[in-house]
Amino acid sequence: MNLVFQELESNPKLKNRVKIIGIGAGNSDFEVNFFQKSYNIKFPLFSDGDFVLHQTLGEVRTPYFIGVRIYPDRTHRVFYSNLGGTGGDANRFLERILTDADLSPETNSGKP
């Protein structure tokens, strides 16, 4: 996810349109901070030591990815929901996310 994050941050047309966060299911602030420092993670990570977010999301196994598209009128849709990692190819994963979200890395407009 560090590579995906770097790709997003380096593209001025995506940088402020796609955000990544991580949730440490069952992890304390200390554990999340240690993980973030150990793996040099630049995107925000949140602890969920009491599994509140984890339970809200249906107690899915980890890693689990959810993509949510928020529209200008503040409506939203889940466009991606998948158990497992990125498949080992950060660029392919990012391309899939952008395609499924109806976003293009070349333009600053996506379908409403």
PDB file of N, CA and C in Angstrom:
ATOM      1  N   MET A   1       0.818  -1.193   0.000  1.00  0.00           N
ATOM      2  CA  MET A   1       0.000   0.000   0.000  1.00  0.00           C
ATOM      3  C   MET A   1       0.861   1.255   0.000  1.00  0.00           C
ATOM      4  N   ASN A   2       2.092   1.129   0.483  1.00  0.00           N
ATOM      5  CA  ASN A   2       2.997   2.280   0.400  1.00  0.00           C
ATOM      6  C   ASN A   2       3.209   2.698  -1.053  1.00  0.00           C
ATOM      7  N   LEU A   3       3.365   1.718  -1.956  1.00  0.00           N
ATOM      8  CA  LEU A   3       3.557   2.038  -3.377  1.00  0.00           C
ATOM      9  C   LEU A   3       2.304   2.668  -3.977  1.00  0.00           C
ATOM     10  N   VAL A   4       1.141   2.164  -3.618  1.00  0.00           N
ATOM     11  CA  VAL A   4      -0.125   2.738  -4.108  1.00  0.00           C
ATOM     12  C   VAL A   4      -0.230   4.178  -3.619  1.00  0.00           C
ATOM     13  N   PHE A   5       0.055   4.396  -2.344  1.00  0.00           N
ATOM     14  CA  PHE A   5      -0.001   5.731  -1.770  1.00  0.00           C
ATOM     15  C   PHE A   5       0.967   6.678  -2.490  1.00  0.00           C
ATOM     16  N   GLN A   6       2.186   6.205  -2.743  1.00  0.00           N
ATOM     17  CA  GLN A   6       3.176   7.037  -3.442  1.00  0.00           C
ATOM     18  C   GLN A   6       2.695   7.416  -4.838  1.00  0.00           C
ATOM     19  N   GLU A   7       2.088   6.455  -5.537  1.00  0.00           N
ATOM     20  CA  GLU A   7       1.553   6.744  -6.878  1.00  0.00           C
ATOM     21  C   GLU A   7       0.466   7.812  -6.818  1.00  0.00           C
ATOM     22  N   LEU A   8      -0.423   7.710  -5.841  1.00  0.00           N
ATOM     23  CA  LEU A   8      -1.497   8.694  -5.691  1.00  0.00           C
ATOM     24  C   LEU A   8      -0.936  10.068  -5.352  1.00  0.00           C
ATOM     25  N   GLU A   9      -0.010  10.111  -4.431  1.00  0.00           N
ATOM     26  CA  GLU A   9       0.562  11.385  -3.996  1.00  0.00           C
ATOM     27  C   GLU A   9       1.372  12.062  -5.093  1.00  0.00           C
ATOM     28  N   SER A  10       1.951  11.278  -5.986  1.00  0.00           N
ATOM     29  CA  SER A  10       2.780  11.857  -7.060  1.00  0.00           C
ATOM     30  C   SER A  10       1.956  12.322  -8.261  1.00  0.00           C
ATOM     31  N   ASN A  11       0.678  11.996  -8.286  1.00  0.00           N
ATOM     32  CA  ASN A  11      -0.184  12.409  -9.394  1.00  0.00           C
ATOM     33  C   ASN A  11      -1.080  13.547  -8.919  1.00  0.00           C
ATOM     34  N   PRO A  12      -0.809  14.781  -9.359  1.00  0.00           N
ATOM     35  CA  PRO A  12      -1.570  15.927  -8.856  1.00  0.00           C
ATOM     36  C   PRO A  12      -3.071  15.842  -9.142  1.00  0.00           C
ATOM     37  N   LYS A  13      -3.457  15.073 -10.141  1.00  0.00           N
ATOM     38  CA  LYS A  13      -4.883  14.960 -10.456  1.00  0.00           C
ATOM     39  C   LYS A  13      -5.595  13.919  -9.598  1.00  0.00           C
ATOM     40  N   LEU A  14      -4.838  13.102  -8.887  1.00  0.00           N
ATOM     41  CA  LEU A  14      -5.444  12.111  -7.996  1.00  0.00           C
ATOM     42  C   LEU A  14      -5.179  12.399  -6.522  1.00  0.00           C
ATOM     43  N   LYS A  15      -4.126  13.137  -6.255  1.00  0.00           N
ATOM     44  CA  LYS A  15      -3.659  13.348  -4.881  1.00  0.00           C
ATOM     45  C   LYS A  15      -4.771  13.756  -3.924  1.00  0.00           C
ATOM     46  N   ASN A  16      -5.608  14.673  -4.318  1.00  0.00           N
ATOM     47  CA  ASN A  16      -6.668  15.157  -3.435  1.00  0.00           C
ATOM     48  C   ASN A  16      -8.019  14.499  -3.703  1.00  0.00           C
ATOM     49  N   ARG A  17      -8.024  13.467  -4.547  1.00  0.00           N
ATOM     50  CA  ARG A  17      -9.290  12.803  -4.876  1.00  0.00           C
ATOM     51  C   ARG A  17      -9.392  11.401  -4.316  1.00  0.00           C
ATOM     52  N   VAL A  18      -8.262  10.751  -4.053  1.00  0.00           N
ATOM     53  CA  VAL A  18      -8.264   9.381  -3.535  1.00  0.00           C
ATOM     54  C   VAL A  18      -7.471   9.368  -2.239  1.00  0.00           C
ATOM     55  N   LYS A  19      -8.073   8.828  -1.206  1.00  0.00           N
ATOM     56  CA  LYS A  19      -7.425   8.774   0.100  1.00  0.00           C
ATOM     57  C   LYS A  19      -7.316   7.329   0.560  1.00  0.00           C
ATOM     58  N   ILE A  20      -6.256   7.050   1.296  1.00  0.00           N
ATOM     59  CA  ILE A  20      -6.036   5.728   1.881  1.00  0.00           C
ATOM     60  C   ILE A  20      -5.941   5.903   3.386  1.00  0.00           C
ATOM     61  N   ILE A  21      -6.627   5.033   4.117  1.00  0.00           N
ATOM     62  CA  ILE A  21      -6.443   4.949   5.557  1.00  0.00           C
ATOM     63  C   ILE A  21      -6.308   3.473   5.915  1.00  0.00           C
ATOM     64  N   GLY A  22      -5.711   3.205   7.031  1.00  0.00           N
ATOM     65  CA  GLY A  22      -5.601   1.841   7.528  1.00  0.00           C
ATOM     66  C   GLY A  22      -6.217   1.768   8.916  1.00  0.00           C
ATOM     67  N   ILE A  23      -6.849   0.649   9.202  1.00  0.00           N
ATOM     68  CA  ILE A  23      -7.454   0.429  10.513  1.00  0.00           C
ATOM     69  C   ILE A  23      -6.812  -0.805  11.128  1.00  0.00           C
ATOM     70  N   GLY A  24      -6.245  -0.645  12.306  1.00  0.00           N
ATOM     71  CA  GLY A  24      -5.608  -1.748  13.017  1.00  0.00           C
ATOM     72  C   GLY A  24      -6.627  -2.474  13.884  1.00  0.00           C
ATOM     73  N   ALA A  25      -7.317  -3.458  13.300  1.00  0.00           N
ATOM     74  CA  ALA A  25      -8.343  -4.215  14.025  1.00  0.00           C
ATOM     75  C   ALA A  25      -7.701  -4.962  15.195  1.00  0.00           C
ATOM     76  N   GLY A  26      -8.137  -4.624  16.399  1.00  0.00           N
ATOM     77  CA  GLY A  26      -7.610  -5.269  17.591  1.00  0.00           C
ATOM     78  C   GLY A  26      -6.285  -4.710  18.059  1.00  0.00           C
ATOM     79  N   ASN A  27      -5.804  -3.673  17.408  1.00  0.00           N
ATOM     80  CA  ASN A  27      -4.501  -3.105  17.751  1.00  0.00           C
ATOM     81  C   ASN A  27      -4.638  -1.830  18.577  1.00  0.00           C
ATOM     82  N   SER A  28      -3.733  -1.671  19.531  1.00  0.00           N
ATOM     83  CA  SER A  28      -3.676  -0.469  20.360  1.00  0.00           C
ATOM     84  C   SER A  28      -2.987   0.659  19.589  1.00  0.00           C
ATOM     85  N   ASP A  29      -3.065   1.877  20.138  1.00  0.00           N
ATOM     86  CA  ASP A  29      -2.342   3.001  19.544  1.00  0.00           C
ATOM     87  C   ASP A  29      -0.855   2.690  19.453  1.00  0.00           C
ATOM     88  N   PHE A  30      -0.301   2.111  20.511  1.00  0.00           N
ATOM     89  CA  PHE A  30       1.118   1.764  20.533  1.00  0.00           C
ATOM     90  C   PHE A  30       1.459   0.818  19.378  1.00  0.00           C
ATOM     91  N   GLU A  31       0.655  -0.226  19.202  1.00  0.00           N
ATOM     92  CA  GLU A  31       0.923  -1.209  18.136  1.00  0.00           C
ATOM     93  C   GLU A  31       0.810  -0.577  16.754  1.00  0.00           C
ATOM     94  N   VAL A  32      -0.198   0.256  16.555  1.00  0.00           N
ATOM     95  CA  VAL A  32      -0.379   0.921  15.263  1.00  0.00           C
ATOM     96  C   VAL A  32       0.785   1.865  14.984  1.00  0.00           C
ATOM     97  N   ASN A  33       1.199   2.631  15.982  1.00  0.00           N
ATOM     98  CA  ASN A  33       2.330   3.552  15.808  1.00  0.00           C
ATOM     99  C   ASN A  33       3.623   2.795  15.518  1.00  0.00           C
ATOM    100  N   PHE A  34       3.831   1.692  16.213  1.00  0.00           N
ATOM    101  CA  PHE A  34       5.014   0.869  15.974  1.00  0.00           C
ATOM    102  C   PHE A  34       5.017   0.326  14.541  1.00  0.00           C
ATOM    103  N   PHE A  35       3.879  -0.176  14.095  1.00  0.00           N
ATOM    104  CA  PHE A  35       3.741  -0.695  12.729  1.00  0.00           C
ATOM    105  C   PHE A  35       3.998   0.412  11.707  1.00  0.00           C
ATOM    106  N   GLN A  36       3.409   1.582  11.954  1.00  0.00           N
ATOM    107  CA  GLN A  36       3.553   2.704  11.034  1.00  0.00           C
ATOM    108  C   GLN A  36       5.018   3.129  10.909  1.00  0.00           C
ATOM    109  N   LYS A  37       5.717   3.192  12.029  1.00  0.00           N
ATOM    110  CA  LYS A  37       7.131   3.569  12.007  1.00  0.00           C
ATOM    111  C   LYS A  37       7.997   2.466  11.405  1.00  0.00           C
ATOM    112  N   SER A  38       7.706   1.221  11.735  1.00  0.00           N
ATOM    113  CA  SER A  38       8.506   0.089  11.244  1.00  0.00           C
ATOM    114  C   SER A  38       8.451  -0.047   9.733  1.00  0.00           C
ATOM    115  N   TYR A  39       7.294   0.251   9.143  1.00  0.00           N
ATOM    116  CA  TYR A  39       7.116   0.079   7.696  1.00  0.00           C
ATOM    117  C   TYR A  39       7.047   1.410   6.955  1.00  0.00           C
ATOM    118  N   ASN A  40       7.387   2.505   7.646  1.00  0.00           N
ATOM    119  CA  ASN A  40       7.454   3.829   7.038  1.00  0.00           C
ATOM    120  C   ASN A  40       6.164   4.165   6.275  1.00  0.00           C
ATOM    121  N   ILE A  41       5.049   3.975   6.928  1.00  0.00           N
ATOM    122  CA  ILE A  41       3.740   4.203   6.309  1.00  0.00           C
ATOM    123  C   ILE A  41       3.381   5.676   6.452  1.00  0.00           C
ATOM    124  N   LYS A  42       3.091   6.319   5.328  1.00  0.00           N
ATOM    125  CA  LYS A  42       2.805   7.755   5.309  1.00  0.00           C
ATOM    126  C   LYS A  42       1.312   8.063   5.374  1.00  0.00           C
ATOM    127  N   PHE A  43       0.462   7.094   5.031  1.00  0.00           N
ATOM    128  CA  PHE A  43      -0.978   7.364   5.096  1.00  0.00           C
ATOM    129  C   PHE A  43      -1.472   7.124   6.519  1.00  0.00           C
ATOM    130  N   PRO A  44      -2.605   7.729   6.878  1.00  0.00           N
ATOM    131  CA  PRO A  44      -3.090   7.627   8.264  1.00  0.00           C
ATOM    132  C   PRO A  44      -3.495   6.204   8.650  1.00  0.00           C
ATOM    133  N   LEU A  45      -3.121   5.829   9.861  1.00  0.00           N
ATOM    134  CA  LEU A  45      -3.532   4.554  10.450  1.00  0.00           C
ATOM    135  C   LEU A  45      -4.272   4.843  11.747  1.00  0.00           C
ATOM    136  N   PHE A  46      -5.309   4.066  12.002  1.00  0.00           N
ATOM    137  CA  PHE A  46      -6.127   4.242  13.196  1.00  0.00           C
ATOM    138  C   PHE A  46      -6.186   2.938  13.964  1.00  0.00           C
ATOM    139  N   SER A  47      -6.086   3.037  15.277  1.00  0.00           N
ATOM    140  CA  SER A  47      -6.210   1.843  16.106  1.00  0.00           C
ATOM    141  C   SER A  47      -7.686   1.521  16.310  1.00  0.00           C
ATOM    142  N   ASP A  48      -7.976   0.246  16.486  1.00  0.00           N
ATOM    143  CA  ASP A  48      -9.336  -0.232  16.763  1.00  0.00           C
ATOM    144  C   ASP A  48      -9.229  -1.358  17.785  1.00  0.00           C
ATOM    145  N   GLY A  49      -8.631  -1.009  18.928  1.00  0.00           N
ATOM    146  CA  GLY A  49      -8.336  -1.996  19.962  1.00  0.00           C
ATOM    147  C   GLY A  49      -9.550  -2.741  20.485  1.00  0.00           C
ATOM    148  N   ASP A  50     -10.710  -2.082  20.473  1.00  0.00           N
ATOM    149  CA  ASP A  50     -11.930  -2.710  20.975  1.00  0.00           C
ATOM    150  C   ASP A  50     -12.770  -3.332  19.853  1.00  0.00           C
ATOM    151  N   PHE A  51     -12.234  -3.360  18.640  1.00  0.00           N
ATOM    152  CA  PHE A  51     -12.899  -3.956  17.476  1.00  0.00           C
ATOM    153  C   PHE A  51     -14.221  -3.266  17.108  1.00  0.00           C
ATOM    154  N   VAL A  52     -14.398  -2.007  17.497  1.00  0.00           N
ATOM    155  CA  VAL A  52     -15.649  -1.306  17.190  1.00  0.00           C
ATOM    156  C   VAL A  52     -15.820  -1.134  15.680  1.00  0.00           C
ATOM    157  N   LEU A  53     -14.805  -0.603  15.009  1.00  0.00           N
ATOM    158  CA  LEU A  53     -14.883  -0.447  13.550  1.00  0.00           C
ATOM    159  C   LEU A  53     -14.942  -1.803  12.866  1.00  0.00           C
ATOM    160  N   HIS A  54     -14.158  -2.721  13.360  1.00  0.00           N
ATOM    161  CA  HIS A  54     -14.120  -4.074  12.801  1.00  0.00           C
ATOM    162  C   HIS A  54     -15.515  -4.711  12.842  1.00  0.00           C
ATOM    163  N   GLN A  55     -16.212  -4.574  13.951  1.00  0.00           N
ATOM    164  CA  GLN A  55     -17.565  -5.126  14.070  1.00  0.00           C
ATOM    165  C   GLN A  55     -18.541  -4.390  13.165  1.00  0.00           C
ATOM    166  N   THR A  56     -18.391  -3.069  13.065  1.00  0.00           N
ATOM    167  CA  THR A  56     -19.251  -2.272  12.197  1.00  0.00           C
ATOM    168  C   THR A  56     -19.119  -2.698  10.741  1.00  0.00           C
ATOM    169  N   LEU A  57     -17.921  -3.110  10.363  1.00  0.00           N
ATOM    170  CA  LEU A  57     -17.669  -3.535   8.979  1.00  0.00           C
ATOM    171  C   LEU A  57     -17.998  -5.006   8.743  1.00  0.00           C
ATOM    172  N   GLY A  58     -18.557  -5.670   9.734  1.00  0.00           N
ATOM    173  CA  GLY A  58     -18.989  -7.049   9.555  1.00  0.00           C
ATOM    174  C   GLY A  58     -18.000  -8.094  10.017  1.00  0.00           C
ATOM    175  N   GLU A  59     -17.018  -7.688  10.818  1.00  0.00           N
ATOM    176  CA  GLU A  59     -16.011  -8.602  11.357  1.00  0.00           C
ATOM    177  C   GLU A  59     -15.291  -9.399  10.269  1.00  0.00           C
ATOM    178  N   VAL A  60     -14.935  -8.696   9.217  1.00  0.00           N
ATOM    179  CA  VAL A  60     -14.211  -9.317   8.110  1.00  0.00           C
ATOM    180  C   VAL A  60     -12.786  -9.648   8.529  1.00  0.00           C
ATOM    181  N   ARG A  61     -12.210 -10.632   7.883  1.00  0.00           N
ATOM    182  CA  ARG A  61     -10.802 -10.957   8.138  1.00  0.00           C
ATOM    183  C   ARG A  61      -9.935  -9.862   7.546  1.00  0.00           C
ATOM    184  N   THR A  62      -8.672  -9.841   7.912  1.00  0.00           N
ATOM    185  CA  THR A  62      -7.776  -8.820   7.391  1.00  0.00           C
ATOM    186  C   THR A  62      -6.635  -9.468   6.611  1.00  0.00           C
ATOM    187  N   PRO A  63      -6.049  -8.772   5.653  1.00  0.00           N
ATOM    188  CA  PRO A  63      -6.415  -7.429   5.220  1.00  0.00           C
ATOM    189  C   PRO A  63      -7.718  -7.440   4.417  1.00  0.00           C
ATOM    190  N   TYR A  64      -8.430  -6.342   4.507  1.00  0.00           N
ATOM    191  CA  TYR A  64      -9.680  -6.175   3.789  1.00  0.00           C
ATOM    192  C   TYR A  64      -9.702  -4.770   3.221  1.00  0.00           C
ATOM    193  N   PHE A  65     -10.088  -4.651   1.972  1.00  0.00           N
ATOM    194  CA  PHE A  65     -10.112  -3.356   1.305  1.00  0.00           C
ATOM    195  C   PHE A  65     -11.544  -2.969   0.969  1.00  0.00           C
ATOM    196  N   ILE A  66     -11.868  -1.721   1.254  1.00  0.00           N
ATOM    197  CA  ILE A  66     -13.173  -1.163   0.896  1.00  0.00           C
ATOM    198  C   ILE A  66     -12.909   0.151   0.181  1.00  0.00           C
ATOM    199  N   GLY A  67     -13.492   0.308  -0.991  1.00  0.00           N
ATOM    200  CA  GLY A  67     -13.415   1.566  -1.726  1.00  0.00           C
ATOM    201  C   GLY A  67     -14.779   2.221  -1.709  1.00  0.00           C
ATOM    202  N   VAL A  68     -14.819   3.492  -1.332  1.00  0.00           N
ATOM    203  CA  VAL A  68     -16.074   4.243  -1.283  1.00  0.00           C
ATOM    204  C   VAL A  68     -15.913   5.496  -2.125  1.00  0.00           C
ATOM    205  N   ARG A  69     -16.832   5.705  -3.050  1.00  0.00           N
ATOM    206  CA  ARG A  69     -16.830   6.922  -3.881  1.00  0.00           C
ATOM    207  C   ARG A  69     -17.826   7.891  -3.274  1.00  0.00           C
ATOM    208  N   ILE A  70     -17.359   9.083  -2.939  1.00  0.00           N
ATOM    209  CA  ILE A  70     -18.220  10.133  -2.397  1.00  0.00           C
ATOM    210  C   ILE A  70     -18.422  11.174  -3.494  1.00  0.00           C
ATOM    211  N   TYR A  71     -19.674  11.461  -3.783  1.00  0.00           N
ATOM    212  CA  TYR A  71     -20.031  12.386  -4.854  1.00  0.00           C
ATOM    213  C   TYR A  71     -20.219  13.798  -4.312  1.00  0.00           C
ATOM    214  N   PRO A  72     -20.206  14.809  -5.196  1.00  0.00           N
ATOM    215  CA  PRO A  72     -20.344  16.198  -4.739  1.00  0.00           C
ATOM    216  C   PRO A  72     -21.598  16.459  -3.895  1.00  0.00           C
ATOM    217  N   ASP A  73     -22.662  15.714  -4.151  1.00  0.00           N
ATOM    218  CA  ASP A  73     -23.887  15.919  -3.361  1.00  0.00           C
ATOM    219  C   ASP A  73     -23.845  15.151  -2.037  1.00  0.00           C
ATOM    220  N   ARG A  74     -22.677  14.561  -1.706  1.00  0.00           N
ATOM    221  CA  ARG A  74     -22.403  13.817  -0.474  1.00  0.00           C
ATOM    222  C   ARG A  74     -23.017  12.432  -0.439  1.00  0.00           C
ATOM    223  N   THR A  75     -23.660  11.996  -1.544  1.00  0.00           N
ATOM    224  CA  THR A  75     -24.080  10.603  -1.618  1.00  0.00           C
ATOM    225  C   THR A  75     -22.827   9.773  -1.862  1.00  0.00           C
ATOM    226  N   HIS A  76     -22.933   8.478  -1.682  1.00  0.00           N
ATOM    227  CA  HIS A  76     -21.766   7.626  -1.845  1.00  0.00           C
ATOM    228  C   HIS A  76     -22.178   6.241  -2.328  1.00  0.00           C
ATOM    229  N   ARG A  77     -21.184   5.514  -2.817  1.00  0.00           N
ATOM    230  CA  ARG A  77     -21.400   4.109  -3.168  1.00  0.00           C
ATOM    231  C   ARG A  77     -20.115   3.343  -2.892  1.00  0.00           C
ATOM    232  N   VAL A  78     -20.282   2.112  -2.419  1.00  0.00           N
ATOM    233  CA  VAL A  78     -19.145   1.220  -2.257  1.00  0.00           C
ATOM    234  C   VAL A  78     -18.869   0.633  -3.631  1.00  0.00           C
ATOM    235  N   PHE A  79     -17.676   0.859  -4.143  1.00  0.00           N
ATOM    236  CA  PHE A  79     -17.329   0.355  -5.466  1.00  0.00           C
ATOM    237  C   PHE A  79     -16.346  -0.809  -5.409  1.00  0.00           C
ATOM    238  N   TYR A  80     -15.797  -1.066  -4.241  1.00  0.00           N
ATOM    239  CA  TYR A  80     -14.819  -2.142  -4.118  1.00  0.00           C
ATOM    240  C   TYR A  80     -14.879  -2.702  -2.711  1.00  0.00           C
ATOM    241  N   SER A  81     -14.901  -4.017  -2.605  1.00  0.00           N
ATOM    242  CA  SER A  81     -14.919  -4.693  -1.315  1.00  0.00           C
ATOM    243  C   SER A  81     -14.270  -6.054  -1.523  1.00  0.00           C
ATOM    244  N   ASN A  82     -13.090  -6.243  -0.910  1.00  0.00           N
ATOM    245  CA  ASN A  82     -12.358  -7.471  -1.195  1.00  0.00           C
ATOM    246  C   ASN A  82     -11.439  -7.870  -0.041  1.00  0.00           C
ATOM    247  N   LEU A  83     -11.492  -9.149   0.302  1.00  0.00           N
ATOM    248  CA  LEU A  83     -10.592  -9.729   1.290  1.00  0.00           C
ATOM    249  C   LEU A  83      -9.280 -10.084   0.612  1.00  0.00           C
ATOM    250  N   GLY A  84      -8.175  -9.779   1.265  1.00  0.00           N
ATOM    251  CA  GLY A  84      -6.872 -10.162   0.738  1.00  0.00           C
ATOM    252  C   GLY A  84      -6.025  -8.951   0.420  1.00  0.00           C
ATOM    253  N   GLY A  85      -4.832  -9.207  -0.036  1.00  0.00           N
ATOM    254  CA  GLY A  85      -3.885  -8.145  -0.336  1.00  0.00           C
ATOM    255  C   GLY A  85      -4.096  -7.535  -1.700  1.00  0.00           C
ATOM    256  N   THR A  86      -3.075  -6.846  -2.157  1.00  0.00           N
ATOM    257  CA  THR A  86      -3.127  -6.155  -3.445  1.00  0.00           C
ATOM    258  C   THR A  86      -2.813  -7.078  -4.611  1.00  0.00           C
ATOM    259  N   GLY A  87      -2.487  -8.321  -4.329  1.00  0.00           N
ATOM    260  CA  GLY A  87      -2.107  -9.247  -5.390  1.00  0.00           C
ATOM    261  C   GLY A  87      -0.646  -9.114  -5.767  1.00  0.00           C
ATOM    262  N   GLY A  88       0.110  -8.311  -5.027  1.00  0.00           N
ATOM    263  CA  GLY A  88       1.542  -8.174  -5.275  1.00  0.00           C
ATOM    264  C   GLY A  88       1.914  -7.162  -6.338  1.00  0.00           C
ATOM    265  N   ASP A  89       0.940  -6.557  -6.990  1.00  0.00           N
ATOM    266  CA  ASP A  89       1.228  -5.599  -8.048  1.00  0.00           C
ATOM    267  C   ASP A  89       0.497  -4.293  -7.729  1.00  0.00           C
ATOM    268  N   ALA A  90       1.222  -3.347  -7.142  1.00  0.00           N
ATOM    269  CA  ALA A  90       0.620  -2.090  -6.693  1.00  0.00           C
ATOM    270  C   ALA A  90      -0.019  -1.322  -7.849  1.00  0.00           C
ATOM    271  N   ASN A  91       0.636  -1.285  -8.997  1.00  0.00           N
ATOM    272  CA  ASN A  91       0.096  -0.533 -10.129  1.00  0.00           C
ATOM    273  C   ASN A  91      -1.200  -1.148 -10.646  1.00  0.00           C
ATOM    274  N   ARG A  92      -1.238  -2.457 -10.738  1.00  0.00           N
ATOM    275  CA  ARG A  92      -2.463  -3.120 -11.196  1.00  0.00           C
ATOM    276  C   ARG A  92      -3.598  -2.908 -10.196  1.00  0.00           C
ATOM    277  N   PHE A  93      -3.289  -2.985  -8.899  1.00  0.00           N
ATOM    278  CA  PHE A  93      -4.285  -2.745  -7.861  1.00  0.00           C
ATOM    279  C   PHE A  93      -4.837  -1.325  -7.982  1.00  0.00           C
ATOM    280  N   LEU A  94      -3.958  -0.345  -8.135  1.00  0.00           N
ATOM    281  CA  LEU A  94      -4.379   1.046  -8.269  1.00  0.00           C
ATOM    282  C   LEU A  94      -5.230   1.233  -9.520  1.00  0.00           C
ATOM    283  N   GLU A  95      -4.821   0.650 -10.628  1.00  0.00           N
ATOM    284  CA  GLU A  95      -5.614   0.746 -11.862  1.00  0.00           C
ATOM    285  C   GLU A  95      -7.024   0.195 -11.657  1.00  0.00           C
ATOM    286  N   ARG A  96      -7.122  -0.931 -10.968  1.00  0.00           N
ATOM    287  CA  ARG A  96      -8.439  -1.518 -10.710  1.00  0.00           C
ATOM    288  C   ARG A  96      -9.293  -0.588  -9.850  1.00  0.00           C
ATOM    289  N   ILE A  97      -8.701  -0.038  -8.801  1.00  0.00           N
ATOM    290  CA  ILE A  97      -9.432   0.874  -7.924  1.00  0.00           C
ATOM    291  C   ILE A  97      -9.928   2.087  -8.713  1.00  0.00           C
ATOM    292  N   LEU A  98      -9.064   2.686  -9.502  1.00  0.00           N
ATOM    293  CA  LEU A  98      -9.448   3.869 -10.282  1.00  0.00           C
ATOM    294  C   LEU A  98     -10.533   3.535 -11.299  1.00  0.00           C
ATOM    295  N   THR A  99     -10.411   2.392 -11.942  1.00  0.00           N
ATOM    296  CA  THR A  99     -11.425   1.967 -12.909  1.00  0.00           C
ATOM    297  C   THR A  99     -12.763   1.729 -12.218  1.00  0.00           C
ATOM    298  N   ASP A 100     -12.738   0.987 -11.121  1.00  0.00           N
ATOM    299  CA  ASP A 100     -13.979   0.677 -10.406  1.00  0.00           C
ATOM    300  C   ASP A 100     -14.638   1.925  -9.816  1.00  0.00           C
ATOM    301  N   ALA A 101     -13.831   2.941  -9.499  1.00  0.00           N
ATOM    302  CA  ALA A 101     -14.359   4.186  -8.937  1.00  0.00           C
ATOM    303  C   ALA A 101     -14.771   5.172 -10.021  1.00  0.00           C
ATOM    304  N   ASP A 102     -14.574   4.800 -11.295  1.00  0.00           N
ATOM    305  CA  ASP A 102     -14.844   5.684 -12.426  1.00  0.00           C
ATOM    306  C   ASP A 102     -13.970   6.930 -12.379  1.00  0.00           C
ATOM    307  N   LEU A 103     -12.715   6.742 -12.003  1.00  0.00           N
ATOM    308  CA  LEU A 103     -11.738   7.825 -11.990  1.00  0.00           C
ATOM    309  C   LEU A 103     -10.661   7.508 -13.010  1.00  0.00           C
ATOM    310  N   SER A 104     -10.056   8.525 -13.537  1.00  0.00           N
ATOM    311  CA  SER A 104      -8.954   8.323 -14.469  1.00  0.00           C
ATOM    312  C   SER A 104      -7.737   9.077 -13.950  1.00  0.00           C
ATOM    313  N   PRO A 105      -6.568   8.437 -13.956  1.00  0.00           N
ATOM    314  CA  PRO A 105      -5.378   9.150 -13.480  1.00  0.00           C
ATOM    315  C   PRO A 105      -4.948  10.275 -14.407  1.00  0.00           C
ATOM    316  N   GLU A 106      -5.410  10.270 -15.649  1.00  0.00           N
ATOM    317  CA  GLU A 106      -4.992  11.289 -16.618  1.00  0.00           C
ATOM    318  C   GLU A 106      -5.847  12.542 -16.556  1.00  0.00           C
ATOM    319  N   THR A 107      -7.078  12.422 -16.078  1.00  0.00           N
ATOM    320  CA  THR A 107      -7.972  13.571 -16.067  1.00  0.00           C
ATOM    321  C   THR A 107      -8.413  13.884 -14.653  1.00  0.00           C
ATOM    322  N   ASN A 108      -8.923  15.054 -14.471  1.00  0.00           N
ATOM    323  CA  ASN A 108      -9.400  15.446 -13.147  1.00  0.00           C
ATOM    324  C   ASN A 108     -10.898  15.273 -13.020  1.00  0.00           C
ATOM    325  N   SER A 109     -11.503  14.582 -13.961  1.00  0.00           N
ATOM    326  CA  SER A 109     -12.944  14.387 -13.869  1.00  0.00           C
ATOM    327  C   SER A 109     -13.271  12.913 -13.917  1.00  0.00           C
ATOM    328  N   GLY A 110     -14.202  12.545 -13.108  1.00  0.00           N
ATOM    329  CA  GLY A 110     -14.735  11.192 -13.115  1.00  0.00           C
ATOM    330  C   GLY A 110     -16.218  11.276 -13.349  1.00  0.00           C
ATOM    331  N   LYS A 111     -16.846  10.195 -13.615  1.00  0.00           N
ATOM    332  CA  LYS A 111     -18.286  10.195 -13.821  1.00  0.00           C
ATOM    333  C   LYS A 111     -18.972  10.496 -12.500  1.00  0.00           C
ATOM    334  N   PRO A 112     -20.002  11.348 -12.523  1.00  0.00           N
ATOM    335  CA  PRO A 112     -20.705  11.632 -11.264  1.00  0.00           C
ATOM    336  C   PRO A 112     -21.492  10.450 -10.764  1.00  0.00           C
TER     337      PRO A 112
END
